[in-house]
Amino acid sequence: MAAFFTLACNTTIDYAKKYPHMVANADPVSAGMIEAEFDRIFSSKLNKVEIEVIFYPRLNAVALEFRYELIRYRQFWDEAARQQFAAALELYKADYAAQKLVDRYKKTRAIYGKVTGRTEWEAFKYTKTRVAYPVTELGYRFREEMPFFSTLMRSAREESDDTDNSQQLNSQQINMYFTRAQADDLVRLFDQSHLMGLLEEKASPKSDEPPAVNSYREFGDE
C-alpha cells in the first residue's frame, strides 16, 4: 500500500513539517456512522445519538463528530488512542464473559486506562471553534440495569488564543456508553488498514463520478 497520496501538489505549504503524523496528503474523508448512548438532560434515561466518524489523513487521527446539549463536538483519536480503545474493549469483553463486572463506577470508569486527545466544539456553524486537550477514561458503567463499555471525556481548560480576547471556557465533561456491538462498529472504523483503504478508493474515483467537495475543517488551517 502506498504510504502517501499526493492530492495537492501545487502548493507552497510544507505539509510534512506542518503535519508530522501525516499518512497521506489528502482531505478528510467520512469513514461511516455509528451509534452510542449519551446521558439525557434532567433524566436517568440514556439518549441514543448518531456519530459521524471522519478520518483526517494529514493528522492520522479520527474525529467523532456529534451534537451534545445543542453543541457540536469533534473528539479526535490518534492512532495510538484508537489502538488503546480496541484493546480496552477486548479486556471489557473478557470481564463480561467471566462475569467480573461490578456496579462501582468510581472504580470502573478508568479501569482500562486513559488517553489524552483533542476536542473541538462550537455552538453554531460560524461561531468560534474552541479547543481543549482533555483526558478520556476507558472503562464501563451500569446504566438502566445493564453494563456499557464507556468513555468519559473529562473537562479541560480551553487552549489560549493570542488573537482572541474572549473568555476562556472549560470543555464539557461527556460520558459515552457503548453496547458491545456498538463498540465493535467503532473499532472497525478505527482500524488503520480500513482507513487507508478509504484513501485508496478516494484516490481512484470512477471516471463517471464528479469529484467530492470537501466540507471538513482541519485544526491548524486558516
N, C-alpha and C. Protein backbone atom coordinates (compact mmCIF):
# COMPACT_ATOMS: atom_id res chain seq x y z
N MET A 1 0.84 -1.19 0.00
CA MET A 1 0.00 0.00 0.00
C MET A 1 0.89 1.24 0.00
N ALA A 2 0.55 2.19 -0.80
CA ALA A 2 1.34 3.41 -0.86
C ALA A 2 1.20 4.17 0.45
N ALA A 3 2.30 4.79 0.90
CA ALA A 3 2.29 5.48 2.18
C ALA A 3 1.65 6.86 2.05
N PHE A 4 1.79 7.48 0.88
CA PHE A 4 1.26 8.82 0.71
C PHE A 4 0.46 8.91 -0.59
N PHE A 5 -0.61 9.69 -0.55
CA PHE A 5 -1.38 10.02 -1.72
C PHE A 5 -1.26 11.52 -1.89
N THR A 6 -0.60 12.00 -2.91
CA THR A 6 -0.39 13.43 -3.08
C THR A 6 -1.52 13.99 -3.92
N LEU A 7 -2.45 14.66 -3.24
CA LEU A 7 -3.63 15.17 -3.92
C LEU A 7 -3.55 16.68 -4.14
N ALA A 8 -2.52 17.32 -3.63
CA ALA A 8 -2.40 18.77 -3.77
C ALA A 8 -0.94 19.12 -3.98
N CYS A 9 -0.46 18.97 -5.20
CA CYS A 9 0.95 19.14 -5.49
C CYS A 9 1.34 20.60 -5.63
N ASN A 10 0.47 21.41 -6.22
CA ASN A 10 0.80 22.81 -6.49
C ASN A 10 0.53 23.66 -5.25
N THR A 11 1.44 23.60 -4.28
CA THR A 11 1.25 24.33 -3.03
C THR A 11 2.60 24.70 -2.47
N THR A 12 2.62 25.78 -1.71
CA THR A 12 3.86 26.20 -1.06
C THR A 12 3.90 25.73 0.39
N ILE A 13 2.86 25.06 0.86
CA ILE A 13 2.81 24.58 2.23
C ILE A 13 3.72 23.37 2.39
N ASP A 14 4.54 23.38 3.42
CA ASP A 14 5.35 22.23 3.76
C ASP A 14 4.50 21.31 4.63
N TYR A 15 3.75 20.41 3.99
CA TYR A 15 2.81 19.58 4.73
C TYR A 15 3.52 18.65 5.70
N ALA A 16 4.67 18.11 5.31
CA ALA A 16 5.38 17.18 6.18
C ALA A 16 5.80 17.85 7.47
N LYS A 17 6.16 19.13 7.39
CA LYS A 17 6.55 19.88 8.58
C LYS A 17 5.33 20.28 9.40
N LYS A 18 4.28 20.71 8.72
CA LYS A 18 3.08 21.17 9.41
C LYS A 18 2.33 20.02 10.08
N TYR A 19 2.36 18.84 9.43
CA TYR A 19 1.63 17.67 9.94
C TYR A 19 2.61 16.51 10.13
N PRO A 20 3.31 16.45 11.25
CA PRO A 20 4.35 15.43 11.44
C PRO A 20 3.83 14.00 11.47
N HIS A 21 2.54 13.81 11.71
CA HIS A 21 1.97 12.45 11.77
C HIS A 21 1.20 12.09 10.50
N MET A 22 1.35 12.88 9.46
CA MET A 22 0.59 12.69 8.23
C MET A 22 0.88 11.33 7.60
N VAL A 23 -0.17 10.64 7.18
CA VAL A 23 -0.03 9.39 6.44
C VAL A 23 -0.43 9.56 4.99
N ALA A 24 -1.07 10.68 4.67
CA ALA A 24 -1.47 10.96 3.30
C ALA A 24 -1.79 12.44 3.19
N ASN A 25 -1.36 13.05 2.09
CA ASN A 25 -1.68 14.46 1.85
C ASN A 25 -3.05 14.51 1.17
N ALA A 26 -4.07 14.27 1.98
CA ALA A 26 -5.43 14.15 1.46
C ALA A 26 -6.41 14.82 2.41
N ASP A 27 -7.52 15.26 1.87
CA ASP A 27 -8.56 15.90 2.67
C ASP A 27 -9.26 14.88 3.56
N PRO A 28 -9.93 15.33 4.61
CA PRO A 28 -10.70 14.42 5.47
C PRO A 28 -11.74 13.64 4.68
N VAL A 29 -12.00 12.41 5.13
CA VAL A 29 -12.97 11.56 4.45
C VAL A 29 -13.84 10.89 5.51
N SER A 30 -15.13 10.80 5.23
CA SER A 30 -16.04 10.14 6.17
C SER A 30 -15.81 8.64 6.15
N ALA A 31 -15.64 8.06 7.34
CA ALA A 31 -15.43 6.62 7.45
C ALA A 31 -16.74 5.87 7.70
N GLY A 32 -17.79 6.59 8.08
CA GLY A 32 -19.07 5.94 8.33
C GLY A 32 -19.78 6.53 9.52
N MET A 33 -20.87 5.89 9.93
CA MET A 33 -21.68 6.34 11.05
C MET A 33 -21.76 5.22 12.08
N ILE A 34 -21.81 5.61 13.35
CA ILE A 34 -22.05 4.66 14.43
C ILE A 34 -23.11 5.25 15.35
N GLU A 35 -23.51 4.48 16.34
CA GLU A 35 -24.41 4.97 17.38
C GLU A 35 -23.78 4.73 18.75
N ALA A 36 -24.08 5.61 19.67
CA ALA A 36 -23.67 5.47 21.06
C ALA A 36 -24.75 6.07 21.94
N GLU A 37 -24.68 5.76 23.22
CA GLU A 37 -25.65 6.28 24.17
C GLU A 37 -25.03 7.43 24.98
N PHE A 38 -25.82 8.46 25.22
CA PHE A 38 -25.38 9.62 25.98
C PHE A 38 -26.34 9.85 27.15
N ASP A 39 -25.84 10.51 28.19
CA ASP A 39 -26.73 10.93 29.27
C ASP A 39 -27.77 11.91 28.73
N ARG A 40 -28.96 11.80 29.22
CA ARG A 40 -30.04 12.69 28.82
C ARG A 40 -30.23 13.76 29.89
N ILE A 41 -30.40 15.00 29.46
CA ILE A 41 -30.54 16.12 30.40
C ILE A 41 -31.80 15.91 31.26
N PHE A 42 -31.62 16.08 32.57
CA PHE A 42 -32.73 16.01 33.53
C PHE A 42 -33.46 14.67 33.48
N SER A 43 -32.72 13.60 33.19
CA SER A 43 -33.34 12.28 33.12
C SER A 43 -32.30 11.22 33.44
N SER A 44 -32.75 10.12 34.00
CA SER A 44 -31.86 8.99 34.25
C SER A 44 -31.76 8.08 33.03
N LYS A 45 -32.57 8.35 32.03
CA LYS A 45 -32.56 7.54 30.81
C LYS A 45 -31.41 7.96 29.90
N LEU A 46 -31.03 7.06 29.01
CA LEU A 46 -29.99 7.34 28.03
C LEU A 46 -30.60 7.79 26.71
N ASN A 47 -29.83 8.52 25.96
CA ASN A 47 -30.25 9.04 24.66
C ASN A 47 -29.32 8.51 23.58
N LYS A 48 -29.87 7.80 22.61
CA LYS A 48 -29.07 7.25 21.52
C LYS A 48 -28.78 8.34 20.50
N VAL A 49 -27.50 8.48 20.13
CA VAL A 49 -27.06 9.55 19.24
C VAL A 49 -26.26 8.96 18.08
N GLU A 50 -26.50 9.48 16.88
CA GLU A 50 -25.69 9.09 15.72
C GLU A 50 -24.41 9.92 15.70
N ILE A 51 -23.30 9.26 15.41
CA ILE A 51 -21.99 9.90 15.39
C ILE A 51 -21.34 9.66 14.04
N GLU A 52 -20.87 10.72 13.41
CA GLU A 52 -20.12 10.55 12.17
C GLU A 52 -18.64 10.37 12.51
N VAL A 53 -18.03 9.38 11.85
CA VAL A 53 -16.62 9.06 12.06
C VAL A 53 -15.85 9.59 10.85
N ILE A 54 -14.94 10.53 11.08
CA ILE A 54 -14.24 11.22 9.99
C ILE A 54 -12.74 11.02 10.15
N PHE A 55 -12.08 10.56 9.08
CA PHE A 55 -10.65 10.34 9.10
C PHE A 55 -9.92 11.55 8.54
N TYR A 56 -8.94 12.04 9.29
CA TYR A 56 -8.10 13.17 8.89
C TYR A 56 -6.70 12.65 8.57
N PRO A 57 -6.41 12.36 7.29
CA PRO A 57 -5.13 11.73 6.94
C PRO A 57 -3.90 12.56 7.29
N ARG A 58 -3.99 13.87 7.17
CA ARG A 58 -2.82 14.69 7.49
C ARG A 58 -2.50 14.64 8.98
N LEU A 59 -3.47 14.33 9.80
CA LEU A 59 -3.27 14.23 11.23
C LEU A 59 -3.12 12.78 11.69
N ASN A 60 -3.44 11.85 10.80
CA ASN A 60 -3.57 10.43 11.16
C ASN A 60 -4.44 10.29 12.41
N ALA A 61 -5.56 11.00 12.39
CA ALA A 61 -6.49 11.00 13.51
C ALA A 61 -7.91 10.84 13.01
N VAL A 62 -8.75 10.26 13.85
CA VAL A 62 -10.17 10.09 13.54
C VAL A 62 -10.96 10.97 14.49
N ALA A 63 -11.91 11.70 13.95
CA ALA A 63 -12.78 12.55 14.77
C ALA A 63 -14.16 11.93 14.86
N LEU A 64 -14.67 11.86 16.07
CA LEU A 64 -16.07 11.51 16.28
C LEU A 64 -16.84 12.82 16.36
N GLU A 65 -17.72 13.04 15.40
CA GLU A 65 -18.46 14.31 15.34
C GLU A 65 -19.91 14.06 15.74
N PHE A 66 -20.38 14.84 16.73
CA PHE A 66 -21.73 14.64 17.27
C PHE A 66 -22.22 15.91 17.93
N ARG A 67 -23.52 15.94 18.21
CA ARG A 67 -24.11 17.04 18.97
C ARG A 67 -24.46 16.54 20.37
N TYR A 68 -24.12 17.38 21.35
CA TYR A 68 -24.45 17.06 22.74
C TYR A 68 -24.89 18.35 23.41
N GLU A 69 -26.10 18.36 23.95
CA GLU A 69 -26.68 19.55 24.57
C GLU A 69 -26.57 20.76 23.64
N LEU A 70 -26.92 20.55 22.38
CA LEU A 70 -27.02 21.58 21.34
C LEU A 70 -25.66 22.10 20.86
N ILE A 71 -24.56 21.52 21.33
CA ILE A 71 -23.22 21.93 20.92
C ILE A 71 -22.65 20.87 19.98
N ARG A 72 -21.96 21.33 18.94
CA ARG A 72 -21.29 20.42 18.00
C ARG A 72 -19.89 20.13 18.50
N TYR A 73 -19.56 18.85 18.65
CA TYR A 73 -18.25 18.43 19.13
C TYR A 73 -17.53 17.59 18.07
N ARG A 74 -16.19 17.69 18.08
CA ARG A 74 -15.32 16.78 17.34
C ARG A 74 -14.29 16.25 18.33
N GLN A 75 -14.35 14.97 18.58
CA GLN A 75 -13.46 14.32 19.54
C GLN A 75 -12.42 13.52 18.74
N PHE A 76 -11.15 13.94 18.80
CA PHE A 76 -10.11 13.35 17.96
C PHE A 76 -9.40 12.20 18.68
N TRP A 77 -9.18 11.11 17.91
CA TRP A 77 -8.46 9.94 18.40
C TRP A 77 -7.29 9.67 17.46
N ASP A 78 -6.05 9.76 17.97
CA ASP A 78 -4.90 9.44 17.13
C ASP A 78 -4.75 7.92 17.04
N GLU A 79 -3.76 7.45 16.30
CA GLU A 79 -3.66 6.01 16.06
C GLU A 79 -3.42 5.24 17.35
N ALA A 80 -2.55 5.75 18.23
CA ALA A 80 -2.27 5.05 19.48
C ALA A 80 -3.53 4.98 20.36
N ALA A 81 -4.30 6.06 20.41
CA ALA A 81 -5.53 6.07 21.22
C ALA A 81 -6.56 5.11 20.65
N ARG A 82 -6.63 5.02 19.33
CA ARG A 82 -7.58 4.07 18.71
C ARG A 82 -7.20 2.63 19.05
N GLN A 83 -5.92 2.36 19.02
CA GLN A 83 -5.46 1.01 19.39
C GLN A 83 -5.77 0.72 20.85
N GLN A 84 -5.63 1.72 21.71
CA GLN A 84 -5.92 1.53 23.13
C GLN A 84 -7.40 1.31 23.35
N PHE A 85 -8.25 2.01 22.59
CA PHE A 85 -9.69 1.79 22.66
C PHE A 85 -10.01 0.34 22.33
N ALA A 86 -9.43 -0.19 21.24
CA ALA A 86 -9.70 -1.56 20.82
C ALA A 86 -9.22 -2.56 21.87
N ALA A 87 -8.04 -2.31 22.45
CA ALA A 87 -7.52 -3.21 23.48
C ALA A 87 -8.39 -3.18 24.73
N ALA A 88 -8.85 -1.98 25.11
CA ALA A 88 -9.72 -1.85 26.27
C ALA A 88 -11.03 -2.60 26.07
N LEU A 89 -11.56 -2.52 24.87
CA LEU A 89 -12.81 -3.24 24.58
C LEU A 89 -12.63 -4.74 24.75
N GLU A 90 -11.50 -5.28 24.31
CA GLU A 90 -11.26 -6.72 24.47
C GLU A 90 -11.17 -7.09 25.95
N LEU A 91 -10.55 -6.24 26.76
CA LEU A 91 -10.50 -6.50 28.20
C LEU A 91 -11.90 -6.47 28.80
N TYR A 92 -12.71 -5.52 28.35
CA TYR A 92 -14.09 -5.45 28.83
C TYR A 92 -14.87 -6.71 28.45
N LYS A 93 -14.71 -7.16 27.22
CA LYS A 93 -15.41 -8.37 26.79
C LYS A 93 -15.01 -9.58 27.63
N ALA A 94 -13.72 -9.66 27.94
CA ALA A 94 -13.25 -10.78 28.76
C ALA A 94 -13.85 -10.71 30.17
N ASP A 95 -13.90 -9.52 30.75
CA ASP A 95 -14.50 -9.36 32.07
C ASP A 95 -16.00 -9.65 32.03
N TYR A 96 -16.64 -9.24 30.94
CA TYR A 96 -18.08 -9.50 30.77
C TYR A 96 -18.32 -11.01 30.72
N ALA A 97 -17.53 -11.71 29.90
CA ALA A 97 -17.72 -13.16 29.76
C ALA A 97 -17.44 -13.90 31.06
N ALA A 98 -16.48 -13.37 31.84
CA ALA A 98 -16.12 -14.02 33.10
C ALA A 98 -17.00 -13.57 34.26
N GLN A 99 -18.00 -12.74 33.97
CA GLN A 99 -18.93 -12.21 34.97
C GLN A 99 -18.19 -11.50 36.11
N LYS A 100 -17.19 -10.70 35.72
CA LYS A 100 -16.39 -9.96 36.69
C LYS A 100 -16.83 -8.50 36.83
N LEU A 101 -17.84 -8.08 36.10
CA LEU A 101 -18.25 -6.67 36.13
C LEU A 101 -18.94 -6.34 37.44
N VAL A 102 -18.59 -5.17 38.00
CA VAL A 102 -19.19 -4.73 39.26
C VAL A 102 -19.78 -3.34 39.07
N ASP A 103 -20.84 -3.05 39.79
CA ASP A 103 -21.53 -1.77 39.67
C ASP A 103 -20.92 -0.77 40.64
N ARG A 104 -19.69 -0.34 40.33
CA ARG A 104 -18.96 0.63 41.16
C ARG A 104 -18.24 1.57 40.22
N TYR A 105 -18.95 2.58 39.73
CA TYR A 105 -18.44 3.40 38.62
C TYR A 105 -17.17 4.16 38.98
N LYS A 106 -17.04 4.63 40.22
CA LYS A 106 -15.81 5.34 40.58
C LYS A 106 -14.59 4.43 40.43
N LYS A 107 -14.79 3.14 40.61
CA LYS A 107 -13.71 2.18 40.47
C LYS A 107 -13.51 1.75 39.03
N THR A 108 -14.59 1.71 38.25
CA THR A 108 -14.52 1.08 36.93
C THR A 108 -14.43 2.06 35.77
N ARG A 109 -14.61 3.37 36.02
CA ARG A 109 -14.71 4.31 34.90
C ARG A 109 -13.40 4.44 34.13
N ALA A 110 -12.24 4.15 34.77
CA ALA A 110 -10.95 4.22 34.08
C ALA A 110 -10.17 2.92 34.24
N ILE A 111 -10.88 1.82 34.43
CA ILE A 111 -10.24 0.55 34.74
C ILE A 111 -9.39 0.03 33.57
N TYR A 112 -9.69 0.47 32.35
CA TYR A 112 -8.94 0.01 31.18
C TYR A 112 -7.97 1.06 30.63
N GLY A 113 -7.74 2.12 31.40
CA GLY A 113 -6.73 3.09 31.01
C GLY A 113 -7.29 4.46 30.67
N LYS A 114 -6.38 5.34 30.27
CA LYS A 114 -6.71 6.72 29.91
C LYS A 114 -5.94 7.13 28.67
N VAL A 115 -6.54 8.03 27.89
CA VAL A 115 -5.86 8.62 26.73
C VAL A 115 -6.08 10.13 26.78
N THR A 116 -5.17 10.85 26.16
CA THR A 116 -5.32 12.30 26.04
C THR A 116 -5.49 12.65 24.57
N GLY A 117 -6.48 13.42 24.27
CA GLY A 117 -6.75 13.78 22.88
C GLY A 117 -7.23 15.21 22.76
N ARG A 118 -7.57 15.57 21.56
CA ARG A 118 -8.04 16.92 21.27
C ARG A 118 -9.56 16.90 21.10
N THR A 119 -10.22 17.94 21.59
CA THR A 119 -11.64 18.12 21.30
C THR A 119 -11.87 19.53 20.82
N GLU A 120 -12.78 19.68 19.87
CA GLU A 120 -13.20 20.98 19.35
C GLU A 120 -14.70 21.10 19.54
N TRP A 121 -15.17 22.32 19.77
CA TRP A 121 -16.62 22.50 19.89
C TRP A 121 -17.02 23.92 19.51
N GLU A 122 -18.24 24.04 19.02
CA GLU A 122 -18.82 25.34 18.71
C GLU A 122 -20.34 25.24 18.82
N ALA A 123 -20.93 26.34 19.23
CA ALA A 123 -22.38 26.37 19.41
C ALA A 123 -23.10 26.44 18.07
N PHE A 124 -22.53 27.18 17.12
CA PHE A 124 -23.15 27.34 15.81
C PHE A 124 -22.07 27.20 14.74
N LYS A 125 -22.49 26.98 13.51
CA LYS A 125 -21.57 26.68 12.43
C LYS A 125 -20.51 27.75 12.24
N TYR A 126 -20.89 29.00 12.36
CA TYR A 126 -19.95 30.08 12.04
C TYR A 126 -19.43 30.80 13.28
N THR A 127 -19.60 30.21 14.46
CA THR A 127 -19.03 30.80 15.66
C THR A 127 -17.63 30.25 15.88
N LYS A 128 -16.94 30.83 16.85
CA LYS A 128 -15.56 30.43 17.15
C LYS A 128 -15.49 28.96 17.50
N THR A 129 -14.49 28.28 16.94
CA THR A 129 -14.21 26.90 17.32
C THR A 129 -13.27 26.91 18.51
N ARG A 130 -13.71 26.32 19.60
CA ARG A 130 -12.90 26.26 20.82
C ARG A 130 -12.18 24.91 20.88
N VAL A 131 -11.02 24.89 21.51
CA VAL A 131 -10.15 23.71 21.50
C VAL A 131 -9.66 23.42 22.91
N ALA A 132 -9.64 22.15 23.29
CA ALA A 132 -9.06 21.72 24.56
C ALA A 132 -8.45 20.33 24.37
N TYR A 133 -7.64 19.92 25.34
CA TYR A 133 -6.97 18.62 25.28
C TYR A 133 -7.30 17.82 26.54
N PRO A 134 -8.48 17.26 26.58
CA PRO A 134 -8.92 16.55 27.79
C PRO A 134 -8.39 15.12 27.86
N VAL A 135 -8.39 14.59 29.07
CA VAL A 135 -8.13 13.17 29.31
C VAL A 135 -9.44 12.42 29.15
N THR A 136 -9.39 11.28 28.47
CA THR A 136 -10.57 10.42 28.33
C THR A 136 -10.29 9.08 29.01
N GLU A 137 -11.20 8.70 29.90
CA GLU A 137 -11.05 7.46 30.66
C GLU A 137 -11.82 6.34 29.96
N LEU A 138 -11.23 5.15 29.95
CA LEU A 138 -11.82 3.98 29.32
C LEU A 138 -12.22 2.97 30.40
N GLY A 139 -13.50 2.63 30.41
CA GLY A 139 -13.96 1.70 31.44
C GLY A 139 -15.35 1.18 31.13
N TYR A 140 -16.14 1.01 32.17
CA TYR A 140 -17.53 0.58 31.95
C TYR A 140 -18.40 1.13 33.07
N ARG A 141 -19.71 1.12 32.79
CA ARG A 141 -20.67 1.64 33.77
C ARG A 141 -22.00 0.93 33.60
N PHE A 142 -22.66 0.65 34.71
CA PHE A 142 -24.01 0.10 34.67
C PHE A 142 -25.00 1.25 34.53
N ARG A 143 -25.83 1.17 33.51
CA ARG A 143 -26.91 2.12 33.30
C ARG A 143 -28.16 1.33 32.90
N GLU A 144 -29.30 1.73 33.45
CA GLU A 144 -30.57 1.06 33.14
C GLU A 144 -30.45 -0.45 33.36
N GLU A 145 -29.75 -0.81 34.45
CA GLU A 145 -29.60 -2.18 34.91
C GLU A 145 -28.82 -3.07 33.95
N MET A 146 -27.98 -2.46 33.13
CA MET A 146 -27.12 -3.26 32.26
C MET A 146 -25.77 -2.55 32.10
N PRO A 147 -24.69 -3.32 31.85
CA PRO A 147 -23.38 -2.69 31.72
C PRO A 147 -23.14 -2.17 30.31
N PHE A 148 -22.42 -1.05 30.23
CA PHE A 148 -21.99 -0.48 28.96
C PHE A 148 -20.48 -0.24 29.02
N PHE A 149 -19.79 -0.54 27.94
CA PHE A 149 -18.43 -0.06 27.78
C PHE A 149 -18.52 1.46 27.67
N SER A 150 -17.61 2.19 28.33
CA SER A 150 -17.80 3.63 28.41
C SER A 150 -16.50 4.40 28.20
N THR A 151 -16.66 5.61 27.69
CA THR A 151 -15.58 6.59 27.67
C THR A 151 -16.07 7.82 28.42
N LEU A 152 -15.20 8.37 29.25
CA LEU A 152 -15.53 9.58 29.99
C LEU A 152 -14.50 10.64 29.62
N MET A 153 -14.91 11.59 28.78
CA MET A 153 -14.04 12.70 28.41
C MET A 153 -14.15 13.75 29.50
N ARG A 154 -13.08 13.93 30.26
CA ARG A 154 -13.08 14.86 31.38
C ARG A 154 -13.05 16.31 30.88
N SER A 155 -13.51 17.20 31.73
CA SER A 155 -13.46 18.62 31.40
C SER A 155 -12.01 19.09 31.36
N ALA A 156 -11.71 20.04 30.46
CA ALA A 156 -10.37 20.59 30.33
C ALA A 156 -10.46 22.06 29.96
N ARG A 157 -9.44 22.82 30.36
CA ARG A 157 -9.41 24.25 30.07
C ARG A 157 -9.17 24.49 28.59
N GLU A 158 -9.93 25.40 28.03
CA GLU A 158 -9.76 25.77 26.63
C GLU A 158 -8.35 26.31 26.39
N GLU A 159 -7.75 25.95 25.26
CA GLU A 159 -6.45 26.45 24.88
C GLU A 159 -6.51 27.96 24.64
N SER A 160 -5.49 28.67 25.09
CA SER A 160 -5.46 30.12 24.91
C SER A 160 -5.22 30.47 23.45
N ASP A 161 -5.75 31.61 23.05
CA ASP A 161 -5.62 32.10 21.68
C ASP A 161 -5.23 33.57 21.75
N ASP A 162 -3.99 33.86 21.34
CA ASP A 162 -3.47 35.23 21.45
C ASP A 162 -4.24 36.23 20.58
N THR A 163 -4.97 35.71 19.57
CA THR A 163 -5.69 36.59 18.66
C THR A 163 -7.13 36.86 19.13
N ASP A 164 -7.52 36.24 20.24
CA ASP A 164 -8.91 36.34 20.70
C ASP A 164 -8.90 36.71 22.19
N ASN A 165 -9.61 37.79 22.53
CA ASN A 165 -9.66 38.26 23.91
C ASN A 165 -10.89 37.76 24.67
N SER A 166 -11.67 36.88 24.06
CA SER A 166 -12.86 36.39 24.74
C SER A 166 -12.48 35.46 25.89
N GLN A 167 -13.41 35.27 26.80
CA GLN A 167 -13.16 34.47 27.99
C GLN A 167 -12.87 33.02 27.63
N GLN A 168 -11.84 32.42 28.29
CA GLN A 168 -11.56 31.01 28.11
C GLN A 168 -12.60 30.18 28.86
N LEU A 169 -13.04 29.10 28.23
CA LEU A 169 -14.05 28.23 28.82
C LEU A 169 -13.45 26.86 29.10
N ASN A 170 -14.18 26.07 29.85
CA ASN A 170 -13.82 24.68 30.04
C ASN A 170 -14.65 23.81 29.11
N SER A 171 -14.04 22.78 28.57
CA SER A 171 -14.80 21.85 27.74
C SER A 171 -15.77 21.07 28.63
N GLN A 172 -16.83 20.58 28.04
CA GLN A 172 -17.85 19.84 28.76
C GLN A 172 -17.35 18.43 29.08
N GLN A 173 -17.65 17.95 30.27
CA GLN A 173 -17.41 16.54 30.57
C GLN A 173 -18.50 15.71 29.90
N ILE A 174 -18.09 14.68 29.14
CA ILE A 174 -19.07 13.92 28.36
C ILE A 174 -18.84 12.43 28.55
N ASN A 175 -19.89 11.74 28.96
CA ASN A 175 -19.90 10.27 29.00
C ASN A 175 -20.47 9.73 27.71
N MET A 176 -19.85 8.71 27.17
CA MET A 176 -20.39 7.98 26.04
C MET A 176 -20.45 6.50 26.42
N TYR A 177 -21.58 5.86 26.13
CA TYR A 177 -21.79 4.47 26.51
C TYR A 177 -22.03 3.64 25.25
N PHE A 178 -21.40 2.47 25.21
CA PHE A 178 -21.48 1.60 24.04
C PHE A 178 -21.90 0.19 24.46
N THR A 179 -22.87 -0.37 23.73
CA THR A 179 -23.05 -1.81 23.81
C THR A 179 -21.84 -2.45 23.16
N ARG A 180 -21.66 -3.74 23.35
CA ARG A 180 -20.51 -4.40 22.72
C ARG A 180 -20.60 -4.31 21.20
N ALA A 181 -21.80 -4.40 20.64
CA ALA A 181 -21.96 -4.31 19.19
C ALA A 181 -21.61 -2.90 18.70
N GLN A 182 -22.05 -1.89 19.43
CA GLN A 182 -21.75 -0.50 19.04
C GLN A 182 -20.25 -0.24 19.10
N ALA A 183 -19.59 -0.73 20.16
CA ALA A 183 -18.14 -0.55 20.29
C ALA A 183 -17.40 -1.31 19.19
N ASP A 184 -17.88 -2.49 18.84
CA ASP A 184 -17.27 -3.24 17.73
C ASP A 184 -17.36 -2.46 16.43
N ASP A 185 -18.50 -1.81 16.20
CA ASP A 185 -18.66 -1.00 14.99
C ASP A 185 -17.61 0.11 14.95
N LEU A 186 -17.36 0.75 16.08
CA LEU A 186 -16.38 1.82 16.11
C LEU A 186 -14.96 1.28 15.91
N VAL A 187 -14.65 0.16 16.51
CA VAL A 187 -13.31 -0.44 16.34
C VAL A 187 -13.05 -0.73 14.87
N ARG A 188 -14.06 -1.21 14.16
CA ARG A 188 -13.88 -1.48 12.72
C ARG A 188 -13.54 -0.20 11.97
N LEU A 189 -14.20 0.89 12.32
CA LEU A 189 -13.93 2.16 11.64
C LEU A 189 -12.63 2.80 12.12
N PHE A 190 -12.18 2.46 13.33
CA PHE A 190 -10.91 2.95 13.85
C PHE A 190 -9.70 2.26 13.21
N ASP A 191 -9.91 1.10 12.61
CA ASP A 191 -8.80 0.28 12.12
C ASP A 191 -7.99 1.01 11.05
N GLN A 192 -6.67 1.04 11.21
CA GLN A 192 -5.82 1.81 10.30
C GLN A 192 -5.87 1.29 8.88
N SER A 193 -5.90 -0.02 8.70
CA SER A 193 -5.94 -0.56 7.34
C SER A 193 -7.25 -0.21 6.65
N HIS A 194 -8.34 -0.19 7.41
CA HIS A 194 -9.63 0.22 6.84
C HIS A 194 -9.58 1.67 6.40
N LEU A 195 -9.00 2.53 7.23
CA LEU A 195 -8.91 3.95 6.91
C LEU A 195 -8.04 4.20 5.68
N MET A 196 -6.92 3.51 5.58
CA MET A 196 -6.06 3.67 4.42
C MET A 196 -6.73 3.14 3.15
N GLY A 197 -7.57 2.12 3.32
CA GLY A 197 -8.32 1.63 2.18
C GLY A 197 -9.31 2.66 1.66
N LEU A 198 -9.90 3.43 2.56
CA LEU A 198 -10.79 4.51 2.13
C LEU A 198 -10.04 5.53 1.28
N LEU A 199 -8.79 5.80 1.64
CA LEU A 199 -8.00 6.76 0.86
C LEU A 199 -7.66 6.21 -0.52
N GLU A 200 -7.40 4.92 -0.60
CA GLU A 200 -7.14 4.31 -1.92
C GLU A 200 -8.37 4.46 -2.81
N GLU A 201 -9.54 4.22 -2.22
CA GLU A 201 -10.77 4.38 -3.00
C GLU A 201 -10.96 5.82 -3.44
N LYS A 202 -10.65 6.76 -2.54
CA LYS A 202 -10.82 8.17 -2.86
C LYS A 202 -9.82 8.62 -3.92
N ALA A 203 -8.62 8.04 -3.90
CA ALA A 203 -7.58 8.43 -4.86
C ALA A 203 -7.84 7.85 -6.24
N SER A 204 -8.75 6.87 -6.34
CA SER A 204 -9.05 6.24 -7.63
C SER A 204 -10.55 6.28 -7.88
N PRO A 205 -11.13 7.49 -8.06
CA PRO A 205 -12.57 7.61 -8.28
C PRO A 205 -12.97 7.05 -9.64
N LYS A 206 -14.21 6.63 -9.72
CA LYS A 206 -14.74 6.17 -11.01
C LYS A 206 -14.80 7.35 -11.98
N SER A 207 -14.55 7.09 -13.22
CA SER A 207 -14.46 8.16 -14.21
C SER A 207 -15.76 8.92 -14.38
N ASP A 208 -16.89 8.28 -14.08
CA ASP A 208 -18.18 8.95 -14.29
C ASP A 208 -18.68 9.64 -13.03
N GLU A 209 -17.86 9.67 -11.96
CA GLU A 209 -18.27 10.32 -10.74
C GLU A 209 -17.63 11.69 -10.63
N PRO A 210 -18.41 12.73 -10.25
CA PRO A 210 -17.81 14.06 -10.05
C PRO A 210 -16.91 14.04 -8.83
N PRO A 211 -15.89 14.90 -8.76
CA PRO A 211 -15.03 14.96 -7.59
C PRO A 211 -15.79 15.39 -6.36
N ALA A 212 -15.41 14.82 -5.21
CA ALA A 212 -16.08 15.16 -3.96
C ALA A 212 -15.67 16.55 -3.52
N VAL A 213 -16.61 17.24 -2.86
CA VAL A 213 -16.33 18.58 -2.33
C VAL A 213 -16.06 18.44 -0.85
N ASN A 214 -14.87 18.86 -0.42
CA ASN A 214 -14.50 18.74 0.98
C ASN A 214 -15.21 19.81 1.80
N SER A 215 -15.87 19.37 2.89
CA SER A 215 -16.57 20.32 3.76
C SER A 215 -16.03 20.29 5.18
N TYR A 216 -14.92 19.59 5.40
CA TYR A 216 -14.39 19.45 6.75
C TYR A 216 -13.27 20.46 6.97
N ARG A 217 -13.14 20.86 8.24
CA ARG A 217 -12.05 21.74 8.63
C ARG A 217 -10.99 20.94 9.36
N GLU A 218 -9.74 21.29 9.16
CA GLU A 218 -8.66 20.69 9.93
C GLU A 218 -8.08 21.72 10.85
N PHE A 219 -7.81 21.30 12.12
CA PHE A 219 -7.25 22.30 13.01
C PHE A 219 -5.86 22.65 12.53
N GLY A 220 -5.54 23.94 12.66
CA GLY A 220 -4.28 24.47 12.14
C GLY A 220 -4.45 25.15 10.81
N ASP A 221 -5.57 24.89 10.11
CA ASP A 221 -5.82 25.56 8.82
C ASP A 221 -6.36 26.96 9.06
N GLU A 222 -6.02 27.84 8.15
CA GLU A 222 -6.54 29.20 8.23
C GLU A 222 -7.95 29.24 7.65
